[in-house]
Amino acid sequence: MKNKITVIIVSFISISCFSQSITPAVLNVAGGSSQKGYYQFEWSVGEMSLINQMESRPNLFVLTNGFLQPYILNPGVNNSNNQFGADEIKVFPTPASSYIEIDLFTRQQGRLKITLYDAIGQRMYSTELQSFGVDLIQKIPVNGFNTGTYLLHLELEADPNFISKKGIYKIIKL
């Protein structure tokens, strides 16, 4: 009788326990993270696994990534509209004095066209960037612009299997 009770107790305990996990894991030799304002950087040593490499054409930056993945504010949000949602983009400060910052959080991938127009429709600034479906931050210098109202036009020409998006934002320059 004592052996049967012991076997039953051990059976119940063993059902709730596990010895190994099948989930992916990586062991690093060293690494760390740092945060300055809302910029967050993470690094690791010992992985030696290169998934892909991305290069920016005008800025000559090279980003290689492996196991460490970028931080996404709202990983569960997937807006299927053709307009940028409030959770996909932030444009600030307004009013601006020296720069405008665009923080793009959309999961959509493609070519992002950024154009800034003055009140009479004259193009004051224009650039194109590649969005890889992770956080993207772009600063536009406006310290040389006259005081007034400007319109910021953003257009994401999506890669295949993604959704193109547009947005127009009013910017006040002091």
Protein backbone atom coordinates (compact mmCIF):
# COMPACT_ATOMS: atom_id res chain seq x y z
CA MET A 1 0.00 0.00 0.00
CA LYS A 2 2.83 2.37 0.88
CA ASN A 3 4.52 1.68 -2.48
CA LYS A 4 1.30 2.44 -4.40
CA ILE A 5 0.92 5.83 -2.67
CA THR A 6 4.57 6.64 -3.35
CA VAL A 7 4.15 5.73 -7.04
CA ILE A 8 1.02 7.91 -7.33
CA ILE A 9 2.74 10.92 -5.68
CA VAL A 10 5.84 10.54 -7.86
CA SER A 11 3.59 10.28 -10.96
CA PHE A 12 1.78 13.53 -10.12
CA ILE A 13 5.06 15.34 -9.47
CA SER A 14 6.64 14.06 -12.68
CA ILE A 15 3.69 15.29 -14.78
CA SER A 16 4.32 18.89 -13.72
CA CYS A 17 8.13 18.72 -14.07
CA PHE A 18 10.32 18.77 -17.15
CA SER A 19 14.03 18.25 -17.54
CA GLN A 20 14.82 19.83 -20.92
CA SER A 21 13.29 22.46 -23.13
CA ILE A 22 13.00 22.26 -26.91
CA THR A 23 12.79 26.04 -27.36
CA PRO A 24 15.69 27.75 -29.18
CA ALA A 25 18.42 29.18 -26.98
CA VAL A 26 21.78 30.87 -27.47
CA LEU A 27 24.68 31.00 -25.04
CA ASN A 28 26.81 34.14 -25.27
CA VAL A 29 30.33 34.57 -23.96
CA ALA A 30 29.72 38.24 -23.16
CA GLY A 31 27.39 41.07 -24.06
CA GLY A 32 25.31 43.87 -22.73
CA SER A 33 22.93 46.68 -23.50
CA SER A 34 22.81 50.42 -23.22
CA GLN A 35 20.08 53.01 -23.46
CA LYS A 36 20.44 56.72 -24.17
CA GLY A 37 17.07 58.46 -24.26
CA TYR A 38 14.83 56.24 -26.36
CA TYR A 39 17.72 54.73 -28.35
CA GLN A 40 18.51 51.20 -27.20
CA PHE A 41 21.61 49.23 -28.22
CA GLU A 42 22.38 45.58 -27.52
CA TRP A 43 25.50 43.60 -28.34
CA SER A 44 26.84 40.14 -27.79
CA VAL A 45 30.07 38.21 -28.24
CA GLY A 46 30.26 34.54 -29.12
CA GLU A 47 27.40 33.91 -31.54
CA MET A 48 29.25 33.94 -34.89
CA SER A 49 26.01 33.55 -36.81
CA LEU A 50 25.23 36.07 -39.54
CA ILE A 51 21.65 36.02 -40.78
CA ASN A 52 21.86 38.95 -43.22
CA GLN A 53 23.52 42.28 -43.85
CA MET A 54 21.82 45.60 -44.64
CA GLU A 55 23.51 48.68 -46.07
CA SER A 56 22.16 52.19 -46.43
CA ARG A 57 23.00 53.82 -49.74
CA PRO A 58 23.43 57.51 -48.85
CA ASN A 59 24.75 57.14 -45.30
CA LEU A 60 27.24 54.26 -45.71
CA PHE A 61 26.01 52.42 -42.60
CA VAL A 62 26.25 48.64 -42.44
CA LEU A 63 24.06 46.64 -40.08
CA THR A 64 24.67 42.95 -39.55
CA ASN A 65 22.27 40.99 -37.40
CA GLY A 66 22.05 37.53 -36.00
CA PHE A 67 20.33 36.34 -32.85
CA LEU A 68 19.85 39.76 -31.25
CA GLN A 69 16.73 41.23 -32.81
CA PRO A 70 15.63 44.87 -32.69
CA TYR A 71 13.15 45.99 -30.10
CA ILE A 72 9.67 46.62 -31.49
CA LEU A 73 7.30 48.70 -29.37
CA ASN A 74 4.08 46.99 -30.44
CA PRO A 75 4.95 43.58 -31.86
CA GLY A 76 1.30 42.46 -31.85
CA VAL A 77 -0.04 45.46 -33.77
CA ASN A 78 -0.49 44.96 -37.51
CA ASN A 79 -2.49 47.76 -39.15
CA SER A 80 -3.82 46.68 -42.55
CA ASN A 81 -5.03 50.17 -43.57
CA ASN A 82 -3.26 52.20 -46.23
CA GLN A 83 -2.81 55.10 -43.77
CA PHE A 84 -0.22 55.11 -40.98
CA GLY A 85 -1.88 54.44 -37.62
CA ALA A 86 -1.04 56.34 -34.43
CA ASP A 87 0.82 53.27 -33.13
CA GLU A 88 2.93 52.96 -36.32
CA ILE A 89 4.46 56.43 -36.52
CA LYS A 90 5.43 59.36 -34.30
CA VAL A 91 6.38 62.79 -35.69
CA PHE A 92 7.73 65.33 -33.20
CA PRO A 93 8.50 67.89 -31.83
CA THR A 94 5.81 70.27 -32.88
CA PRO A 95 6.45 73.11 -32.87
CA ALA A 96 10.01 72.42 -34.03
CA SER A 97 13.01 74.70 -33.89
CA SER A 98 16.04 72.69 -35.02
CA TYR A 99 14.84 69.28 -36.25
CA ILE A 100 11.82 67.05 -36.85
CA GLU A 101 12.07 63.43 -35.83
CA ILE A 102 10.14 60.61 -37.50
CA ASP A 103 9.90 57.34 -35.57
CA LEU A 104 8.45 54.56 -37.73
CA PHE A 105 7.20 51.44 -35.93
CA THR A 106 5.33 49.70 -38.76
CA ARG A 107 5.91 46.06 -39.65
CA GLN A 108 5.49 46.86 -43.36
CA GLN A 109 8.63 46.70 -45.50
CA GLY A 110 9.48 48.83 -48.50
CA ARG A 111 10.81 52.16 -49.72
CA LEU A 112 9.89 55.14 -47.50
CA LYS A 113 9.70 58.51 -49.28
CA ILE A 114 9.92 61.53 -46.99
CA THR A 115 9.08 64.97 -48.42
CA LEU A 116 8.66 68.27 -46.57
CA TYR A 117 6.70 71.08 -48.28
CA ASP A 118 6.30 74.71 -47.26
CA ALA A 119 2.94 76.53 -47.17
CA ILE A 120 2.98 77.32 -50.92
CA GLY A 121 3.82 73.75 -51.93
CA GLN A 122 7.54 74.17 -52.59
CA ARG A 123 9.61 71.07 -51.74
CA MET A 124 12.03 71.93 -48.95
CA TYR A 125 13.42 68.49 -48.14
CA SER A 126 13.25 65.05 -49.72
CA THR A 127 14.84 61.67 -49.05
CA GLU A 128 14.17 57.96 -49.49
CA LEU A 129 14.94 55.18 -47.00
CA GLN A 130 14.49 51.42 -46.92
CA SER A 131 12.17 50.15 -44.17
CA PHE A 132 12.84 46.58 -43.06
CA GLY A 133 9.72 46.22 -40.89
CA VAL A 134 11.46 47.20 -37.65
CA ASP A 135 11.91 50.50 -35.86
CA LEU A 136 13.28 53.31 -38.04
CA ILE A 137 14.27 56.78 -36.81
CA GLN A 138 14.97 59.70 -39.16
CA LYS A 139 15.78 63.28 -38.18
CA ILE A 140 15.17 66.18 -40.57
CA PRO A 141 17.09 69.41 -39.87
CA VAL A 142 14.82 72.47 -40.05
CA ASN A 143 16.99 75.08 -38.33
CA GLY A 144 17.67 76.80 -41.69
CA PHE A 145 13.96 77.04 -42.59
CA ASN A 146 11.80 80.13 -42.12
CA THR A 147 9.21 80.29 -39.36
CA GLY A 148 5.88 78.95 -40.58
CA THR A 149 3.73 75.92 -41.32
CA TYR A 150 5.04 72.94 -43.29
CA LEU A 151 3.51 69.68 -44.49
CA LEU A 152 5.41 66.43 -44.07
CA HIS A 153 4.39 63.80 -46.64
CA LEU A 154 5.36 60.18 -45.93
CA GLU A 155 4.78 57.40 -48.44
CA LEU A 156 5.80 53.79 -47.98
CA GLU A 157 5.94 51.89 -51.28
CA ALA A 158 5.62 48.37 -49.95
CA ASP A 159 7.62 45.34 -51.02
CA PRO A 160 5.59 42.37 -52.33
CA ASN A 161 3.29 40.82 -49.68
CA PHE A 162 3.25 44.04 -47.63
CA ILE A 163 0.85 47.01 -47.51
CA SER A 164 1.71 50.47 -48.89
CA LYS A 165 0.96 53.36 -46.54
CA LYS A 166 0.73 57.16 -46.65
CA GLY A 167 0.49 59.97 -44.18
CA ILE A 168 0.56 63.78 -44.13
CA TYR A 169 1.54 65.65 -40.99
CA LYS A 170 1.39 69.37 -40.17
CA ILE A 171 4.67 70.77 -38.84
CA ILE A 172 5.01 74.18 -37.22
CA LYS A 173 8.50 75.71 -37.36
CA LEU A 174 9.44 78.35 -34.78
